[in-house]
Amino acid sequence: LSEKAKDKPVIMCGDLNVAHLDIDLKNPASNHQNPGFTDQEREKFG
């Protein structure tokens, strides 16, 4: 994406399979470190 953005603006969409923030899912505490809500995935989105 970063290489594309050097050429012209990027609009990216899709299922990114990550809930970034606690408010992005109903039950963040019980889902911590489940697929899509691991610290690693959230950090990569950040």
All heavy atoms as atom14 arrays in JSON, in Angstrom:
{
  "sequence": "LSEKAKDKPVIMCGDLNVAHLDIDLKNPASNHQNPGFTDQEREKFG",
  "atom14_mask": [
    [1, 1, 1, 1, 1, 1, 1, 1, 0, 0, 0, 0, 0, 0],
    [1, 1, 1, 1, 1, 1, 0, 0, 0, 0, 0, 0, 0, 0],
    [1, 1, 1, 1, 1, 1, 1, 1, 1, 0, 0, 0, 0, 0],
    [1, 1, 1, 1, 1, 1, 1, 1, 1, 0, 0, 0, 0, 0],
    [1, 1, 1, 1, 1, 0, 0, 0, 0, 0, 0, 0, 0, 0],
    [1, 1, 1, 1, 1, 1, 1, 1, 1, 0, 0, 0, 0, 0],
    [1, 1, 1, 1, 1, 1, 1, 1, 0, 0, 0, 0, 0, 0],
    [1, 1, 1, 1, 1, 1, 1, 1, 1, 0, 0, 0, 0, 0],
    [1, 1, 1, 1, 1, 1, 1, 0, 0, 0, 0, 0, 0, 0],
    [1, 1, 1, 1, 1, 1, 1, 0, 0, 0, 0, 0, 0, 0],
    [1, 1, 1, 1, 1, 1, 1, 1, 0, 0, 0, 0, 0, 0],
    [1, 1, 1, 1, 1, 1, 1, 1, 0, 0, 0, 0, 0, 0],
    [1, 1, 1, 1, 1, 1, 0, 0, 0, 0, 0, 0, 0, 0],
    [1, 1, 1, 1, 0, 0, 0, 0, 0, 0, 0, 0, 0, 0],
    [1, 1, 1, 1, 1, 1, 1, 1, 0, 0, 0, 0, 0, 0],
    [1, 1, 1, 1, 1, 1, 1, 1, 0, 0, 0, 0, 0, 0],
    [1, 1, 1, 1, 1, 1, 1, 1, 0, 0, 0, 0, 0, 0],
    [1, 1, 1, 1, 1, 1, 1, 0, 0, 0, 0, 0, 0, 0],
    [1, 1, 1, 1, 1, 0, 0, 0, 0, 0, 0, 0, 0, 0],
    [1, 1, 1, 1, 1, 1, 1, 1, 1, 1, 0, 0, 0, 0],
    [1, 1, 1, 1, 1, 1, 1, 1, 0, 0, 0, 0, 0, 0],
    [1, 1, 1, 1, 1, 1, 1, 1, 0, 0, 0, 0, 0, 0],
    [1, 1, 1, 1, 1, 1, 1, 1, 0, 0, 0, 0, 0, 0],
    [1, 1, 1, 1, 1, 1, 1, 1, 0, 0, 0, 0, 0, 0],
    [1, 1, 1, 1, 1, 1, 1, 1, 0, 0, 0, 0, 0, 0],
    [1, 1, 1, 1, 1, 1, 1, 1, 1, 0, 0, 0, 0, 0],
    [1, 1, 1, 1, 1, 1, 1, 1, 0, 0, 0, 0, 0, 0],
    [1, 1, 1, 1, 1, 1, 1, 0, 0, 0, 0, 0, 0, 0],
    [1, 1, 1, 1, 1, 0, 0, 0, 0, 0, 0, 0, 0, 0],
    [1, 1, 1, 1, 1, 1, 0, 0, 0, 0, 0, 0, 0, 0],
    [1, 1, 1, 1, 1, 1, 1, 1, 0, 0, 0, 0, 0, 0],
    [1, 1, 1, 1, 1, 1, 1, 1, 1, 1, 0, 0, 0, 0],
    [1, 1, 1, 1, 1, 1, 1, 1, 1, 0, 0, 0, 0, 0],
    [1, 1, 1, 1, 1, 1, 1, 1, 0, 0, 0, 0, 0, 0],
    [1, 1, 1, 1, 1, 1, 1, 0, 0, 0, 0, 0, 0, 0],
    [1, 1, 1, 1, 0, 0, 0, 0, 0, 0, 0, 0, 0, 0],
    [1, 1, 1, 1, 1, 1, 1, 1, 1, 1, 1, 0, 0, 0],
    [1, 1, 1, 1, 1, 1, 1, 0, 0, 0, 0, 0, 0, 0],
    [1, 1, 1, 1, 1, 1, 1, 1, 0, 0, 0, 0, 0, 0],
    [1, 1, 1, 1, 1, 1, 1, 1, 1, 0, 0, 0, 0, 0],
    [1, 1, 1, 1, 1, 1, 1, 1, 1, 0, 0, 0, 0, 0],
    [1, 1, 1, 1, 1, 1, 1, 1, 1, 1, 1, 0, 0, 0],
    [1, 1, 1, 1, 1, 1, 1, 1, 1, 0, 0, 0, 0, 0],
    [1, 1, 1, 1, 1, 1, 1, 1, 1, 0, 0, 0, 0, 0],
    [1, 1, 1, 1, 1, 1, 1, 1, 1, 1, 1, 0, 0, 0],
    [1, 1, 1, 1, 0, 0, 0, 0, 0, 0, 0, 0, 0, 0]
  ],
  "atom14_positions": [
    [[0.83, -1.21, 0.0], [0.0, 0.0, 0.0], [0.86, 1.26, 0.0], [0.56, 2.23, -0.72], [-0.92, 0.0, 1.22], [-2.04, -1.03, 1.27], [-2.81, -0.89, 2.58], [-2.99, -0.9, 0.09], [0.0, 0.0, 0.0], [0.0, 0.0, 0.0], [0.0, 0.0, 0.0], [0.0, 0.0, 0.0], [0.0, 0.0, 0.0], [0.0, 0.0, 0.0]],
    [[1.91, 1.25, 0.79], [2.77, 2.43, 0.88], [3.45, 2.74, -0.45], [3.59, 3.91, -0.83], [3.81, 2.23, 1.98], [3.2, 2.14, 3.26], [0.0, 0.0, 0.0], [0.0, 0.0, 0.0], [0.0, 0.0, 0.0], [0.0, 0.0, 0.0], [0.0, 0.0, 0.0], [0.0, 0.0, 0.0], [0.0, 0.0, 0.0], [0.0, 0.0, 0.0]],
    [[3.85, 1.7, -1.16], [4.45, 1.91, -2.48], [3.42, 2.48, -3.45], [3.74, 3.39, -4.23], [5.02, 0.59, -3.01], [6.31, 0.17, -2.36], [7.43, 1.19, -2.55], [7.64, 1.64, -3.69], [8.06, 1.55, -1.54], [0.0, 0.0, 0.0], [0.0, 0.0, 0.0], [0.0, 0.0, 0.0], [0.0, 0.0, 0.0], [0.0, 0.0, 0.0]],
    [[2.2, 1.96, -3.42], [1.15, 2.5, -4.29], [0.89, 3.97, -3.97], [0.68, 4.8, -4.85], [-0.14, 1.69, -4.13], [-0.07, 0.28, -4.69], [0.09, 0.28, -6.19], [0.06, -1.13, -6.76], [0.37, -1.15, -8.22], [0.0, 0.0, 0.0], [0.0, 0.0, 0.0], [0.0, 0.0, 0.0], [0.0, 0.0, 0.0], [0.0, 0.0, 0.0]],
    [[0.86, 4.29, -2.67], [0.53, 5.65, -2.23], [1.6, 6.67, -2.64], [1.32, 7.87, -2.67], [0.34, 5.67, -0.72], [0.0, 0.0, 0.0], [0.0, 0.0, 0.0], [0.0, 0.0, 0.0], [0.0, 0.0, 0.0], [0.0, 0.0, 0.0], [0.0, 0.0, 0.0], [0.0, 0.0, 0.0], [0.0, 0.0, 0.0], [0.0, 0.0, 0.0]],
    [[2.8, 6.21, -2.95], [3.83, 7.12, -3.45], [3.48, 7.63, -4.84], [3.93, 8.71, -5.24], [5.19, 6.4, -3.49], [5.78, 6.09, -2.14], [7.1, 5.34, -2.28], [7.7, 4.97, -0.93], [8.95, 4.18, -1.08], [0.0, 0.0, 0.0], [0.0, 0.0, 0.0], [0.0, 0.0, 0.0], [0.0, 0.0, 0.0], [0.0, 0.0, 0.0]],
    [[2.68, 6.85, -5.57], [2.33, 7.18, -6.94], [1.08, 8.05, -7.0], [1.04, 9.07, -7.7], [2.13, 5.88, -7.73], [1.78, 6.11, -9.18], [2.29, 7.08, -9.76], [1.01, 5.3, -9.73], [0.0, 0.0, 0.0], [0.0, 0.0, 0.0], [0.0, 0.0, 0.0], [0.0, 0.0, 0.0], [0.0, 0.0, 0.0], [0.0, 0.0, 0.0]],
    [[0.04, 7.64, -6.26], [-1.22, 8.39, -6.22], [-2.01, 7.93, -5.0], [-1.69, 6.89, -4.4], [-2.01, 8.19, -7.51], [-2.46, 6.77, -7.79], [-3.1, 6.62, -9.16], [-2.08, 6.62, -10.28], [-2.69, 6.31, -11.61], [0.0, 0.0, 0.0], [0.0, 0.0, 0.0], [0.0, 0.0, 0.0], [0.0, 0.0, 0.0], [0.0, 0.0, 0.0]],
    [[-3.06, 8.66, -4.61], [-3.82, 8.28, -3.42], [-4.43, 6.89, -3.54], [-4.77, 6.42, -4.64], [-4.91, 9.35, -3.33], [-4.36, 10.52, -4.07], [-3.53, 9.94, -5.18], [0.0, 0.0, 0.0], [0.0, 0.0, 0.0], [0.0, 0.0, 0.0], [0.0, 0.0, 0.0], [0.0, 0.0, 0.0], [0.0, 0.0, 0.0], [0.0, 0.0, 0.0]],
    [[-4.57, 6.24, -2.38], [-5.1, 4.89, -2.3], [-6.42, 4.89, -1.53], [-6.54, 5.53, -0.49], [-4.09, 3.96, -1.58], [-4.73, 2.62, -1.21], [-2.87, 3.72, -2.46], [0.0, 0.0, 0.0], [0.0, 0.0, 0.0], [0.0, 0.0, 0.0], [0.0, 0.0, 0.0], [0.0, 0.0, 0.0], [0.0, 0.0, 0.0], [0.0, 0.0, 0.0]],
    [[-7.41, 4.16, -2.07], [-8.63, 3.83, -1.35], [-8.66, 2.32, -1.23], [-8.74, 1.62, -2.24], [-9.89, 4.35, -2.07], [-9.86, 5.87, -2.19], [-11.16, 3.88, -1.34], [-10.99, 6.44, -3.04], [0.0, 0.0, 0.0], [0.0, 0.0, 0.0], [0.0, 0.0, 0.0], [0.0, 0.0, 0.0], [0.0, 0.0, 0.0], [0.0, 0.0, 0.0]],
    [[-8.57, 1.82, -0.01], [-8.53, 0.38, 0.23], [-9.73, -0.03, 1.05], [-10.11, 0.67, 1.99], [-7.24, 0.01, 0.95], [-7.09, -1.49, 1.25], [-7.72, -1.94, 2.89], [-6.4, -1.34, 3.94], [0.0, 0.0, 0.0], [0.0, 0.0, 0.0], [0.0, 0.0, 0.0], [0.0, 0.0, 0.0], [0.0, 0.0, 0.0], [0.0, 0.0, 0.0]],
    [[-10.35, -1.15, 0.7], [-11.5, -1.61, 1.45], [-11.48, -3.13, 1.56], [-10.82, -3.81, 0.8], [-12.81, -1.17, 0.78], [-13.13, -1.98, -0.81], [0.0, 0.0, 0.0], [0.0, 0.0, 0.0], [0.0, 0.0, 0.0], [0.0, 0.0, 0.0], [0.0, 0.0, 0.0], [0.0, 0.0, 0.0], [0.0, 0.0, 0.0], [0.0, 0.0, 0.0]],
    [[-12.25, -3.61, 2.53], [-12.42, -5.06, 2.62], [-12.55, -5.53, 4.04], [-12.67, -4.76, 5.0], [0.0, 0.0, 0.0], [0.0, 0.0, 0.0], [0.0, 0.0, 0.0], [0.0, 0.0, 0.0], [0.0, 0.0, 0.0], [0.0, 0.0, 0.0], [0.0, 0.0, 0.0], [0.0, 0.0, 0.0], [0.0, 0.0, 0.0], [0.0, 0.0, 0.0]],
    [[-12.55, -6.85, 4.16], [-12.58, -7.53, 5.45], [-11.14, -7.66, 5.91], [-10.39, -8.48, 5.39], [-13.25, -8.9, 5.28], [-13.28, -9.7, 6.56], [-12.72, -9.24, 7.58], [-13.83, -10.82, 6.54], [0.0, 0.0, 0.0], [0.0, 0.0, 0.0], [0.0, 0.0, 0.0], [0.0, 0.0, 0.0], [0.0, 0.0, 0.0], [0.0, 0.0, 0.0]],
    [[-10.77, -6.84, 6.89], [-9.4, -6.84, 7.38], [-9.2, -7.79, 8.55], [-8.09, -7.93, 9.07], [-8.98, -5.42, 7.77], [-9.11, -4.35, 6.69], [-8.41, -3.06, 7.12], [-8.59, -4.81, 5.34], [0.0, 0.0, 0.0], [0.0, 0.0, 0.0], [0.0, 0.0, 0.0], [0.0, 0.0, 0.0], [0.0, 0.0, 0.0], [0.0, 0.0, 0.0]],
    [[-10.26, -8.45, 8.98], [-10.18, -9.49, 10.01], [-9.46, -9.0, 11.27], [-8.69, -9.74, 11.89], [-9.51, -10.75, 9.46], [-10.54, -11.79, 9.05], [-11.51, -12.04, 9.77], [-10.33, -12.4, 7.89], [0.0, 0.0, 0.0], [0.0, 0.0, 0.0], [0.0, 0.0, 0.0], [0.0, 0.0, 0.0], [0.0, 0.0, 0.0], [0.0, 0.0, 0.0]],
    [[-9.76, -7.75, 11.67], [-9.25, -7.24, 12.93], [-10.21, -6.18, 13.45], [-10.72, -5.36, 12.69], [-7.83, -6.64, 12.78], [-7.81, -5.46, 11.82], [-7.26, -6.24, 14.14], [0.0, 0.0, 0.0], [0.0, 0.0, 0.0], [0.0, 0.0, 0.0], [0.0, 0.0, 0.0], [0.0, 0.0, 0.0], [0.0, 0.0, 0.0], [0.0, 0.0, 0.0]],
    [[-10.5, -6.23, 14.73], [-11.19, -5.15, 15.43], [-10.11, -4.33, 16.11], [-9.41, -4.82, 17.0], [-12.19, -5.7, 16.44], [0.0, 0.0, 0.0], [0.0, 0.0, 0.0], [0.0, 0.0, 0.0], [0.0, 0.0, 0.0], [0.0, 0.0, 0.0], [0.0, 0.0, 0.0], [0.0, 0.0, 0.0], [0.0, 0.0, 0.0], [0.0, 0.0, 0.0]],
    [[-9.94, -3.1, 15.68], [-8.78, -2.32, 16.11], [-8.89, -1.86, 17.56], [-7.95, -2.01, 18.35], [-8.61, -1.11, 15.2], [-7.41, -0.28, 15.51], [-7.38, 1.1, 15.37], [-6.17, -0.62, 15.97], [-6.19, 1.54, 15.71], [-5.44, 0.53, 16.08], [0.0, 0.0, 0.0], [0.0, 0.0, 0.0], [0.0, 0.0, 0.0], [0.0, 0.0, 0.0]],
    [[-10.01, -1.28, 17.93], [-10.19, -0.68, 19.25], [-11.16, -1.49, 20.1], [-11.96, -2.26, 19.57], [-10.7, 0.76, 19.11], [-9.87, 1.68, 18.22], [-10.57, 3.02, 18.07], [-8.46, 1.86, 18.79], [0.0, 0.0, 0.0], [0.0, 0.0, 0.0], [0.0, 0.0, 0.0], [0.0, 0.0, 0.0], [0.0, 0.0, 0.0], [0.0, 0.0, 0.0]],
    [[-11.12, -1.27, 21.39], [-12.07, -1.96, 22.27], [-13.52, -1.69, 21.87], [-14.37, -2.57, 22.0], [-11.86, -1.51, 23.72], [-10.65, -2.17, 24.37], [-9.97, -2.97, 23.7], [-10.39, -1.87, 25.55], [0.0, 0.0, 0.0], [0.0, 0.0, 0.0], [0.0, 0.0, 0.0], [0.0, 0.0, 0.0], [0.0, 0.0, 0.0], [0.0, 0.0, 0.0]],
    [[-13.81, -0.49, 21.39], [-15.19, -0.16, 21.01], [-15.58, -0.79, 19.68], [-16.73, -0.66, 19.25], [-15.43, 1.36, 20.97], [-14.49, 2.04, 19.97], [-15.31, 1.96, 22.35], [-14.82, 3.53, 19.76], [0.0, 0.0, 0.0], [0.0, 0.0, 0.0], [0.0, 0.0, 0.0], [0.0, 0.0, 0.0], [0.0, 0.0, 0.0], [0.0, 0.0, 0.0]],
    [[-14.65, -1.48, 19.03], [-14.95, -2.1, 17.74], [-15.49, -3.52, 17.86], [-15.66, -4.2, 16.85], [-13.71, -2.08, 16.84], [-13.38, -0.69, 16.34], [-14.32, 0.09, 16.11], [-12.18, -0.37, 16.19], [0.0, 0.0, 0.0], [0.0, 0.0, 0.0], [0.0, 0.0, 0.0], [0.0, 0.0, 0.0], [0.0, 0.0, 0.0], [0.0, 0.0, 0.0]],
    [[-15.77, -3.96, 19.08], [-16.44, -5.24, 19.27], [-17.21, -5.2, 20.58], [-16.92, -4.4, 21.47], [-15.49, -6.42, 19.21], [-14.53, -6.68, 20.37], [-13.92, -8.07, 20.21], [-13.43, -5.64, 20.44], [0.0, 0.0, 0.0], [0.0, 0.0, 0.0], [0.0, 0.0, 0.0], [0.0, 0.0, 0.0], [0.0, 0.0, 0.0], [0.0, 0.0, 0.0]],
    [[-18.18, -6.08, 20.68], [-19.1, -6.05, 21.82], [-18.42, -6.46, 23.12], [-18.66, -5.86, 24.17], [-20.29, -6.99, 21.54], [-21.36, -7.02, 22.62], [-22.13, -5.71, 22.67], [-23.33, -5.82, 23.59], [-24.11, -4.57, 23.63], [0.0, 0.0, 0.0], [0.0, 0.0, 0.0], [0.0, 0.0, 0.0], [0.0, 0.0, 0.0], [0.0, 0.0, 0.0]],
    [[-17.6, -7.5, 23.04], [-17.03, -8.07, 24.27], [-15.5, -8.13, 24.19], [-14.92, -9.2, 24.01], [-17.6, -9.48, 24.5], [-19.1, -9.47, 24.67], [-19.63, -8.79, 25.54], [-19.8, -10.22, 23.83], [0.0, 0.0, 0.0], [0.0, 0.0, 0.0], [0.0, 0.0, 0.0], [0.0, 0.0, 0.0], [0.0, 0.0, 0.0], [0.0, 0.0, 0.0]],
    [[-14.84, -6.98, 24.34], [-13.39, -6.97, 24.17], [-12.64, -7.8, 25.21], [-11.65, -8.47, 24.87], [-13.03, -5.48, 24.28], [-14.18, -4.84, 24.97], [-15.38, -5.62, 24.56], [0.0, 0.0, 0.0], [0.0, 0.0, 0.0], [0.0, 0.0, 0.0], [0.0, 0.0, 0.0], [0.0, 0.0, 0.0], [0.0, 0.0, 0.0], [0.0, 0.0, 0.0]],
    [[-13.09, -7.78, 26.45], [-12.34, -8.49, 27.5], [-12.33, -9.99, 27.26], [-11.27, -10.63, 27.31], [-12.94, -8.18, 28.87], [0.0, 0.0, 0.0], [0.0, 0.0, 0.0], [0.0, 0.0, 0.0], [0.0, 0.0, 0.0], [0.0, 0.0, 0.0], [0.0, 0.0, 0.0], [0.0, 0.0, 0.0], [0.0, 0.0, 0.0], [0.0, 0.0, 0.0]],
    [[-13.48, -10.57, 26.96], [-13.55, -12.02, 26.78], [-12.96, -12.47, 25.45], [-12.68, -13.65, 25.27], [-15.0, -12.49, 26.9], [-15.81, -11.9, 25.9], [0.0, 0.0, 0.0], [0.0, 0.0, 0.0], [0.0, 0.0, 0.0], [0.0, 0.0, 0.0], [0.0, 0.0, 0.0], [0.0, 0.0, 0.0], [0.0, 0.0, 0.0], [0.0, 0.0, 0.0]],
    [[-12.76, -11.54, 24.51], [-12.2, -11.9, 23.21], [-10.71, -11.56, 23.07], [-10.13, -11.79, 22.01], [-12.97, -11.2, 22.08], [-14.27, -11.9, 21.76], [-14.27, -13.03, 21.28], [-15.38, -11.24, 22.05], [0.0, 0.0, 0.0], [0.0, 0.0, 0.0], [0.0, 0.0, 0.0], [0.0, 0.0, 0.0], [0.0, 0.0, 0.0], [0.0, 0.0, 0.0]],
    [[-10.11, -11.04, 24.14], [-8.7, -10.68, 24.07], [-7.84, -11.89, 23.69], [-7.97, -12.96, 24.27], [-8.23, -10.11, 25.4], [-6.81, -9.68, 25.39], [-5.9, -10.08, 26.34], [-6.11, -8.9, 24.52], [-4.72, -9.56, 26.07], [-4.81, -8.84, 24.96], [0.0, 0.0, 0.0], [0.0, 0.0, 0.0], [0.0, 0.0, 0.0], [0.0, 0.0, 0.0]],
    [[-7.03, -11.71, 22.66], [-6.13, -12.73, 22.1], [-6.88, -13.82, 21.33], [-6.28, -14.84, 20.97], [-5.23, -13.35, 23.17], [-4.15, -12.38, 23.67], [-3.26, -11.84, 22.57], [-3.42, -10.68, 22.15], [-2.33, -12.63, 22.07], [0.0, 0.0, 0.0], [0.0, 0.0, 0.0], [0.0, 0.0, 0.0], [0.0, 0.0, 0.0], [0.0, 0.0, 0.0]],
    [[-8.15, -13.61, 21.05], [-8.84, -14.45, 20.08], [-8.51, -13.95, 18.67], [-8.13, -12.79, 18.49], [-10.36, -14.41, 20.29], [-10.81, -15.26, 21.46], [-10.06, -16.12, 21.93], [-12.02, -15.03, 21.92], [0.0, 0.0, 0.0], [0.0, 0.0, 0.0], [0.0, 0.0, 0.0], [0.0, 0.0, 0.0], [0.0, 0.0, 0.0], [0.0, 0.0, 0.0]],
    [[-8.66, -14.81, 17.64], [-8.38, -14.37, 16.27], [-9.16, -13.1, 15.92], [-10.37, -13.01, 16.15], [-8.86, -15.55, 15.42], [-8.75, -16.73, 16.32], [-9.1, -16.23, 17.69], [0.0, 0.0, 0.0], [0.0, 0.0, 0.0], [0.0, 0.0, 0.0], [0.0, 0.0, 0.0], [0.0, 0.0, 0.0], [0.0, 0.0, 0.0], [0.0, 0.0, 0.0]],
    [[-8.45, -12.11, 15.39], [-9.07, -10.83, 15.05], [-9.0, -9.81, 16.15], [-9.3, -8.63, 15.93], [0.0, 0.0, 0.0], [0.0, 0.0, 0.0], [0.0, 0.0, 0.0], [0.0, 0.0, 0.0], [0.0, 0.0, 0.0], [0.0, 0.0, 0.0], [0.0, 0.0, 0.0], [0.0, 0.0, 0.0], [0.0, 0.0, 0.0], [0.0, 0.0, 0.0]],
    [[-8.59, -10.21, 17.36], [-8.46, -9.26, 18.46], [-7.24, -9.58, 19.32], [-7.25, -9.45, 20.53], [-9.73, -9.24, 19.31], [-9.88, -7.99, 20.14], [-9.94, -6.74, 19.55], [-9.96, -8.07, 21.52], [-10.07, -5.58, 20.32], [-10.1, -6.92, 22.31], [-10.15, -5.68, 21.7], [0.0, 0.0, 0.0], [0.0, 0.0, 0.0], [0.0, 0.0, 0.0]],
    [[-6.19, -10.02, 18.62], [-4.92, -10.21, 19.32], [-4.18, -8.88, 19.39], [-4.4, -7.98, 18.57], [-4.03, -11.23, 18.59], [-3.7, -10.71, 17.28], [-4.71, -12.58, 18.45], [0.0, 0.0, 0.0], [0.0, 0.0, 0.0], [0.0, 0.0, 0.0], [0.0, 0.0, 0.0], [0.0, 0.0, 0.0], [0.0, 0.0, 0.0], [0.0, 0.0, 0.0]],
    [[-3.31, -8.77, 20.36], [-2.49, -7.56, 20.46], [-1.67, -7.37, 19.18], [-1.47, -6.24, 18.72], [-1.54, -7.67, 21.66], [-2.28, -7.7, 22.99], [-3.45, -7.25, 23.05], [-1.68, -8.18, 23.98], [0.0, 0.0, 0.0], [0.0, 0.0, 0.0], [0.0, 0.0, 0.0], [0.0, 0.0, 0.0], [0.0, 0.0, 0.0], [0.0, 0.0, 0.0]],
    [[-1.2, -8.48, 18.62], [-0.35, -8.41, 17.43], [-1.11, -7.85, 16.23], [-0.6, -6.99, 15.49], [0.2, -9.8, 17.1], [1.09, -10.4, 18.19], [0.33, -11.31, 19.14], [-0.78, -10.99, 19.57], [0.94, -12.45, 19.47], [0.0, 0.0, 0.0], [0.0, 0.0, 0.0], [0.0, 0.0, 0.0], [0.0, 0.0, 0.0], [0.0, 0.0, 0.0]],
    [[-2.32, -8.34, 16.0], [-3.11, -7.88, 14.85], [-3.51, -6.42, 15.01], [-3.45, -5.63, 14.06], [-4.36, -8.75, 14.7], [-4.05, -10.16, 14.25], [-5.21, -11.12, 14.48], [-5.77, -11.14, 15.62], [-5.56, -11.84, 13.54], [0.0, 0.0, 0.0], [0.0, 0.0, 0.0], [0.0, 0.0, 0.0], [0.0, 0.0, 0.0], [0.0, 0.0, 0.0]],
    [[-3.91, -6.05, 16.22], [-4.31, -4.67, 16.47], [-3.12, -3.72, 16.3], [-3.26, -2.61, 15.76], [-4.89, -4.55, 17.87], [-6.14, -5.39, 18.07], [-6.56, -5.45, 19.53], [-7.07, -4.15, 19.98], [-7.32, -3.87, 21.25], [-7.06, -4.77, 22.2], [-7.81, -2.69, 21.58], [0.0, 0.0, 0.0], [0.0, 0.0, 0.0], [0.0, 0.0, 0.0]],
    [[-1.96, -4.16, 16.75], [-0.76, -3.34, 16.59], [-0.42, -3.14, 15.12], [-0.03, -2.04, 14.71], [0.4, -3.98, 17.33], [1.68, -3.17, 17.27], [2.83, -3.81, 18.03], [2.6, -4.76, 18.79], [3.98, -3.35, 17.83], [0.0, 0.0, 0.0], [0.0, 0.0, 0.0], [0.0, 0.0, 0.0], [0.0, 0.0, 0.0], [0.0, 0.0, 0.0]],
    [[-0.55, -4.19, 14.33], [-0.25, -4.06, 12.9], [-1.2, -3.07, 12.23], [-0.79, -2.3, 11.35], [-0.36, -5.42, 12.21], [0.74, -6.4, 12.57], [2.11, -5.97, 12.09], [3.15, -7.06, 12.34], [4.51, -6.62, 11.98], [0.0, 0.0, 0.0], [0.0, 0.0, 0.0], [0.0, 0.0, 0.0], [0.0, 0.0, 0.0], [0.0, 0.0, 0.0]],
    [[-2.48, -3.07, 12.64], [-3.4, -2.1, 12.05], [-3.01, -0.68, 12.47], [-3.05, 0.25, 11.66], [-4.84, -2.4, 12.45], [-5.85, -1.53, 11.74], [-6.19, -1.8, 10.43], [-6.43, -0.44, 12.37], [-7.11, -1.0, 9.75], [-7.35, 0.36, 11.71], [-7.68, 0.08, 10.4], [0.0, 0.0, 0.0], [0.0, 0.0, 0.0], [0.0, 0.0, 0.0]],
    [[-2.61, -0.52, 13.71], [-2.13, 0.78, 14.15], [-0.91, 1.24, 13.37], [-0.78, 2.42, 13.02], [0.0, 0.0, 0.0], [0.0, 0.0, 0.0], [0.0, 0.0, 0.0], [0.0, 0.0, 0.0], [0.0, 0.0, 0.0], [0.0, 0.0, 0.0], [0.0, 0.0, 0.0], [0.0, 0.0, 0.0], [0.0, 0.0, 0.0], [0.0, 0.0, 0.0]]
  ]
}
